[in-house]
Amino acid sequence: MHKIVDIYAAGDNLIKIWDVLSGGRLLMALSSHHKTVTSLCFAMNYKRLVSASLDRLVTVKLMIFVPNKFVICCC
C-alpha cells in the first residue's frame, strides 16, 4: 500500500513531506538547499522528488516506499 504524501516549501530552505492519510503527520523535513526553495515537483512515477532554490541548485531525491517506512535517498 502506498502512502499519499504532499510536499511543501514555505519560504525557507526546508522541504517538508506530509502523510495525508494520517491526518497530515509530518514524515520528514529535508534541508538540501542553502537558500529559499522556489520549486518542487514529483516525477511522473512519484519515485523522484525534484527541487530548485535561490542557491541555483537543482536536487533530485529518490523516494522509496516500503511497508511502515518512507525512505529518501540522495541521487
Protein backbone atom coordinates (compact mmCIF):
# COMPACT_ATOMS: atom_id res chain seq x y z
CA MET A 1 0.00 0.00 0.00
CA HIS A 2 1.39 3.39 -0.97
CA LYS A 3 1.31 6.42 1.25
CA ILE A 4 -0.29 9.54 -0.12
CA VAL A 5 2.13 12.36 0.52
CA ASP A 6 2.16 16.08 -0.03
CA ILE A 7 5.21 18.33 -0.24
CA TYR A 8 5.68 21.93 0.84
CA ALA A 9 8.37 24.57 0.95
CA ALA A 10 7.33 27.61 2.96
CA GLY A 11 9.77 30.43 2.32
CA ASP A 12 12.85 28.72 3.73
CA ASN A 13 15.38 26.07 2.75
CA LEU A 14 13.32 23.14 4.09
CA ILE A 15 11.20 20.73 2.09
CA LYS A 16 8.51 19.14 4.26
CA ILE A 17 6.86 15.84 3.37
CA TRP A 18 3.48 15.08 4.95
CA ASP A 19 1.44 11.88 5.17
CA VAL A 20 -2.01 12.98 4.03
CA LEU A 21 -3.80 9.77 5.02
CA SER A 22 -2.74 10.01 8.67
CA GLY A 23 -4.27 13.44 9.14
CA GLY A 24 -1.27 15.43 8.00
CA ARG A 25 1.55 13.85 10.00
CA LEU A 26 4.96 15.27 9.15
CA LEU A 27 7.10 12.45 7.75
CA MET A 28 10.32 14.38 7.34
CA ALA A 29 11.92 17.71 6.63
CA LEU A 30 14.78 17.87 4.15
CA SER A 31 17.37 20.61 4.05
CA SER A 32 19.07 20.06 0.72
CA HIS A 33 19.43 23.75 -0.10
CA HIS A 34 21.23 26.70 1.43
CA LYS A 35 18.68 29.30 0.28
CA THR A 36 14.91 29.51 -0.18
CA VAL A 37 13.32 26.63 -2.11
CA THR A 38 11.43 28.00 -5.10
CA SER A 39 10.18 24.89 -6.95
CA LEU A 40 9.10 21.36 -6.07
CA CYS A 41 7.89 18.59 -8.33
CA PHE A 42 7.30 14.85 -8.21
CA ALA A 43 8.39 12.90 -11.28
CA MET A 44 5.52 11.20 -13.10
CA ASN A 45 6.05 7.91 -11.26
CA TYR A 46 6.34 9.61 -7.82
CA LYS A 47 9.69 7.92 -7.24
CA ARG A 48 11.73 11.11 -7.56
CA LEU A 49 11.36 14.50 -5.96
CA VAL A 50 12.97 17.41 -7.81
CA SER A 51 13.62 20.72 -6.05
CA ALA A 52 15.23 24.03 -7.00
CA SER A 53 16.17 27.05 -4.93
CA LEU A 54 17.71 30.50 -4.94
CA ASP A 55 21.11 28.89 -4.33
CA ARG A 56 20.96 27.94 -8.05
CA LEU A 57 20.91 24.21 -7.32
CA VAL A 58 18.51 21.57 -8.54
CA THR A 59 18.36 18.39 -6.47
CA VAL A 60 16.80 15.04 -7.27
CA LYS A 61 15.85 12.71 -4.43
CA LEU A 62 14.98 9.06 -4.92
CA MET A 63 11.87 8.24 -2.88
CA ILE A 64 11.31 4.67 -1.70
CA PHE A 65 8.08 3.47 -0.11
CA VAL A 66 8.38 0.27 1.92
CA PRO A 67 5.87 -1.07 4.47
CA ASN A 68 5.76 1.24 7.50
CA LYS A 69 8.74 3.23 6.26
CA PHE A 70 9.38 6.13 3.96
CA VAL A 71 12.97 6.50 2.77
CA ILE A 72 14.59 9.23 0.71
CA CYS A 73 18.00 8.66 -0.81
CA CYS A 74 20.25 11.26 -2.40
CA CYS A 75 20.91 10.88 -6.09
